[in-house]
Amino acid sequence: MTDPVYPTVIVLVRLLWKFLGLRMTIKGSEYIPRSGGAILAINHVGYLDFAISGTAALPAKRYVRYMAKKQIFDNKIAGPLMRGMHHISVDRESGSASFVAALRALKAGEIVGIFPEATISKSFEIKTLKSGAARLAIGANVPILPTIVWGSQRIWTKGRKRDFGRNKFPISIYVGAPLYFTRETEVERAEAEIKSALESLLRKAQSEYPDSHVGQWWAPARLGGTAPTLEDVERERG
């Protein structure tokens, strides 16, 4: 697949990271396959997670095709870029079309990025996962790479004003060992394994994060932060 747009966007994104003074720590990039299909199953704490997580695939000289909501593709500025980078539009009213498109990309040897929580986690913990990532991995017979982004919520996340100042925030990207499933694997079991792997990797990223979480709005209550718990968020939703 030719990529006339993606390389240019990567240059611009790298310039943005440099302008913001972000301190990137990437671990586990060796798990990114140099060829063949795979799924990055990524946690979701901020609006820049898609651009940040894709950085982990660059050492392997791979591009990630993200599954993103249709509204982004409908945007006059973002839409042409998303299509130019061959990302996959997700229309929640017609999910089968996006599933087929992702399946086709995986079978063609692409890496597909999925946020299995679907939306940003306001608790900054791993929420209940949707089944799409597990079903795609089983259907395409490709591995799932659990992927954690931590620190991006400090730049821009749901319910907070974005901060594009030169704050030199540390950003962690951790890629875990691949998870393999067969056609005999039950989707529920695959989901549970993915969630467990994400939770374990999240705790590792947090334990090695250079800044203290205590008293911080961007940190989960479990670590002494002031973010709402998963239960609090559920109660707010009613």
Protein backbone atom coordinates (compact mmCIF):
# COMPACT_ATOMS: atom_id res chain seq x y z
CA MET A 1 0.00 0.00 0.00
CA THR A 2 1.45 3.36 -1.04
CA ASP A 3 1.63 6.05 1.62
CA PRO A 4 2.14 9.53 0.17
CA VAL A 5 0.48 11.22 3.18
CA TYR A 6 1.61 9.21 6.22
CA PRO A 7 5.35 10.11 6.10
CA THR A 8 4.55 13.83 5.90
CA VAL A 9 2.18 13.60 8.85
CA ILE A 10 4.84 11.76 10.88
CA VAL A 11 7.32 14.58 10.27
CA LEU A 12 4.74 17.14 11.42
CA VAL A 13 3.82 15.09 14.49
CA ARG A 14 7.48 14.73 15.47
CA LEU A 15 7.88 18.50 15.17
CA LEU A 16 4.86 18.91 17.45
CA TRP A 17 6.35 16.55 20.05
CA LYS A 18 9.60 18.53 19.88
CA PHE A 19 7.76 21.84 20.22
CA LEU A 20 5.87 20.55 23.26
CA GLY A 21 9.11 19.25 24.75
CA LEU A 22 7.62 15.82 25.41
CA ARG A 23 9.92 13.23 26.98
CA MET A 24 9.02 9.95 25.29
CA THR A 25 9.80 6.58 26.82
CA ILE A 26 9.06 3.63 24.53
CA LYS A 27 9.37 0.05 25.75
CA GLY A 28 8.49 -3.17 23.96
CA SER A 29 8.79 -1.85 20.41
CA GLU A 30 10.66 -5.07 19.61
CA TYR A 31 7.30 -6.84 19.79
CA ILE A 32 6.05 -4.92 16.74
CA PRO A 33 6.28 -7.37 13.82
CA ARG A 34 8.42 -6.28 10.88
CA SER A 35 5.88 -7.76 8.51
CA GLY A 36 2.41 -9.29 8.62
CA GLY A 37 -0.84 -8.29 10.25
CA ALA A 38 -1.26 -7.46 13.92
CA ILE A 39 -3.54 -5.49 16.21
CA LEU A 40 -2.43 -2.82 18.64
CA ALA A 41 -5.04 -2.89 21.44
CA ILE A 42 -4.49 0.47 23.12
CA ASN A 43 -5.82 1.97 26.33
CA HIS A 44 -7.47 5.39 25.97
CA VAL A 45 -6.66 8.26 28.33
CA GLY A 46 -6.33 11.25 26.00
CA TYR A 47 -7.17 12.66 22.60
CA LEU A 48 -3.60 12.30 21.28
CA ASP A 49 -3.29 8.59 22.06
CA PHE A 50 -3.57 7.57 18.41
CA ALA A 51 -0.66 9.76 17.31
CA ILE A 52 1.45 8.90 20.35
CA SER A 53 0.94 5.12 20.25
CA GLY A 54 1.86 4.98 16.57
CA THR A 55 5.33 6.21 17.50
CA ALA A 56 6.09 2.77 18.94
CA ALA A 57 5.76 1.19 15.48
CA LEU A 58 8.20 3.51 13.73
CA PRO A 59 11.38 1.61 14.74
CA ALA A 60 9.90 -1.40 12.93
CA LYS A 61 9.20 0.85 9.93
CA ARG A 62 5.51 0.09 10.19
CA TYR A 63 2.47 2.34 9.96
CA VAL A 64 -0.62 1.80 12.09
CA ARG A 65 -4.08 2.00 10.49
CA TYR A 66 -6.37 3.22 13.24
CA MET A 67 -10.04 2.52 13.62
CA ALA A 68 -11.59 5.91 14.39
CA LYS A 69 -15.11 7.26 14.63
CA LYS A 70 -16.79 8.47 11.45
CA GLN A 71 -17.09 12.05 12.74
CA ILE A 72 -13.32 12.51 12.40
CA PHE A 73 -13.47 11.44 8.75
CA ASP A 74 -16.33 13.91 8.20
CA ASN A 75 -14.15 16.82 9.39
CA LYS A 76 -13.01 19.05 6.52
CA ILE A 77 -9.41 19.14 7.74
CA ALA A 78 -8.91 15.81 9.51
CA GLY A 79 -10.98 13.76 7.06
CA PRO A 80 -8.64 13.97 4.03
CA LEU A 81 -5.66 13.21 6.28
CA MET A 82 -7.37 10.18 7.82
CA ARG A 83 -8.28 8.81 4.41
CA GLY A 84 -4.82 9.59 3.05
CA MET A 85 -3.26 7.54 5.86
CA HIS A 86 -5.69 4.68 5.16
CA HIS A 87 -7.24 4.73 8.61
CA ILE A 88 -10.56 2.93 9.04
CA SER A 89 -13.81 4.79 9.59
CA VAL A 90 -16.12 3.39 12.26
CA ASP A 91 -19.80 4.16 11.90
CA ARG A 92 -21.47 2.90 15.06
CA GLU A 93 -24.77 2.60 13.22
CA SER A 94 -23.19 0.28 10.67
CA GLY A 95 -20.38 -1.50 12.47
CA SER A 96 -20.19 -4.44 10.10
CA ALA A 97 -18.65 -2.36 7.29
CA SER A 98 -15.79 -1.13 9.49
CA PHE A 99 -15.24 -4.66 10.84
CA VAL A 100 -14.92 -6.01 7.30
CA ALA A 101 -12.55 -3.17 6.34
CA ALA A 102 -10.34 -3.87 9.36
CA LEU A 103 -10.40 -7.60 8.67
CA ARG A 104 -9.35 -6.98 5.08
CA ALA A 105 -6.48 -4.72 6.21
CA LEU A 106 -5.22 -7.31 8.70
CA LYS A 107 -5.32 -10.09 6.14
CA ALA A 108 -3.36 -7.83 3.78
CA GLY A 109 -0.61 -7.64 6.41
CA GLU A 110 -1.39 -4.26 7.96
CA ILE A 111 -1.14 -3.26 11.62
CA VAL A 112 -4.51 -2.03 12.87
CA GLY A 113 -4.82 0.16 15.96
CA ILE A 114 -7.90 -0.29 18.12
CA PHE A 115 -9.05 1.37 21.33
CA PRO A 116 -11.08 -1.52 22.78
CA GLU A 117 -12.52 0.69 25.54
CA ALA A 118 -14.11 2.71 22.68
CA THR A 119 -14.01 6.04 24.57
CA ILE A 120 -11.60 7.84 26.87
CA SER A 121 -11.50 6.47 30.40
CA LYS A 122 -12.21 9.35 32.80
CA SER A 123 -10.91 7.22 35.67
CA PHE A 124 -7.67 6.53 33.75
CA GLU A 125 -8.20 2.84 34.56
CA ILE A 126 -9.01 0.12 32.02
CA LYS A 127 -12.74 0.09 31.37
CA THR A 128 -14.86 -2.81 30.14
CA LEU A 129 -13.68 -3.74 26.65
CA LYS A 130 -15.72 -4.02 23.49
CA SER A 131 -15.42 -7.33 21.66
CA GLY A 132 -14.16 -5.99 18.32
CA ALA A 133 -10.43 -6.44 18.94
CA ALA A 134 -10.85 -10.04 20.07
CA ARG A 135 -13.17 -10.91 17.18
CA LEU A 136 -10.80 -9.36 14.64
CA ALA A 137 -7.77 -11.19 16.04
CA ILE A 138 -9.62 -14.50 15.89
CA GLY A 139 -11.10 -13.83 12.45
CA ALA A 140 -7.86 -12.66 10.83
CA ASN A 141 -5.61 -15.06 12.79
CA VAL A 142 -3.26 -12.27 13.86
CA PRO A 143 -1.69 -11.47 17.25
CA ILE A 144 -2.88 -8.74 19.59
CA LEU A 145 -0.23 -6.47 21.07
CA PRO A 146 -1.48 -4.88 24.32
CA THR A 147 -0.34 -1.26 24.26
CA ILE A 148 -0.37 1.36 27.01
CA VAL A 149 -0.06 5.12 26.67
CA TRP A 150 0.47 6.99 29.92
CA GLY A 151 0.87 10.73 30.44
CA SER A 152 -0.98 11.89 27.34
CA GLN A 153 -3.98 12.81 29.49
CA ARG A 154 -1.90 15.67 30.91
CA ILE A 155 -1.89 17.31 27.47
CA TRP A 156 -5.51 16.86 26.37
CA THR A 157 -8.27 14.66 27.70
CA LYS A 158 -12.01 14.62 28.17
CA GLY A 159 -13.39 17.36 30.39
CA ARG A 160 -10.09 19.25 30.70
CA LYS A 161 -8.69 22.24 28.86
CA ARG A 162 -5.89 21.19 26.53
CA ASP A 163 -2.37 22.21 27.51
CA PHE A 164 -0.09 22.71 24.52
CA GLY A 165 2.53 24.63 26.49
CA ARG A 166 6.15 23.54 26.65
CA ASN A 167 5.69 21.60 29.87
CA LYS A 168 8.01 18.72 28.99
CA PHE A 169 5.52 16.11 30.16
CA PRO A 170 6.90 12.56 30.33
CA ILE A 171 4.97 10.24 28.02
CA SER A 172 5.23 6.46 28.30
CA ILE A 173 4.38 3.98 25.55
CA TYR A 174 4.57 0.33 26.56
CA VAL A 175 3.96 -2.52 24.12
CA GLY A 176 3.42 -5.95 25.63
CA ALA A 177 4.14 -9.45 24.39
CA PRO A 178 1.75 -10.62 21.66
CA LEU A 179 -1.38 -12.56 22.55
CA TYR A 180 -2.35 -15.36 20.18
CA PHE A 181 -5.81 -16.81 19.75
CA THR A 182 -7.24 -19.52 17.53
CA ARG A 183 -10.62 -19.92 15.86
CA GLU A 184 -11.55 -22.20 18.76
CA THR A 185 -10.93 -19.41 21.31
CA GLU A 186 -14.08 -18.05 22.89
CA VAL A 187 -14.42 -14.30 22.39
CA GLU A 188 -15.15 -13.77 26.10
CA ARG A 189 -11.95 -15.56 27.07
CA ALA A 190 -9.93 -13.52 24.58
CA GLU A 191 -11.44 -10.30 25.94
CA ALA A 192 -10.52 -11.29 29.49
CA GLU A 193 -6.91 -12.01 28.46
CA ILE A 194 -6.61 -8.70 26.63
CA LYS A 195 -8.02 -6.77 29.58
CA SER A 196 -5.72 -8.55 32.03
CA ALA A 197 -2.68 -7.83 29.86
CA LEU A 198 -3.62 -4.16 29.55
CA GLU A 199 -4.14 -3.81 33.30
CA SER A 200 -0.78 -5.44 34.05
CA LEU A 201 1.04 -3.30 31.51
CA LEU A 202 -0.69 -0.13 32.77
CA ARG A 203 0.52 -0.81 36.30
CA LYS A 204 4.05 -1.36 35.03
CA ALA A 205 3.99 1.92 33.08
CA GLN A 206 2.64 3.77 36.12
CA SER A 207 5.17 2.24 38.52
CA GLU A 208 8.04 3.36 36.26
CA TYR A 209 6.60 6.80 35.48
CA PRO A 210 9.02 9.52 36.62
CA ASP A 211 6.44 11.92 38.12
CA SER A 212 4.47 11.32 41.32
CA HIS A 213 0.78 10.50 40.96
CA VAL A 214 -0.20 11.59 44.48
CA GLY A 215 -2.76 14.40 44.52
CA GLN A 216 -2.76 14.79 40.73
CA TRP A 217 -5.98 15.23 38.73
CA TRP A 218 -4.54 13.06 35.95
CA ALA A 219 -3.85 10.09 38.23
CA PRO A 220 -6.25 7.33 39.29
CA ALA A 221 -7.54 7.18 42.85
CA ARG A 222 -5.72 3.85 43.23
CA LEU A 223 -2.41 5.75 43.09
CA GLY A 224 -3.50 8.64 45.29
CA GLY A 225 -4.76 10.79 42.44
CA THR A 226 -8.04 12.71 42.38
CA ALA A 227 -9.55 11.16 39.24
CA PRO A 228 -12.92 9.45 39.78
CA THR A 229 -12.95 5.69 40.21
CA LEU A 230 -14.53 3.40 37.64
CA GLU A 231 -17.48 3.04 40.03
CA ASP A 232 -17.81 6.82 40.36
CA VAL A 233 -17.94 7.22 36.60
CA GLU A 234 -20.60 4.52 36.30
CA ARG A 235 -22.71 6.24 38.95
CA GLU A 236 -22.41 9.57 37.12
CA ARG A 237 -23.69 7.90 33.96
CA GLY A 238 -26.66 6.69 35.97
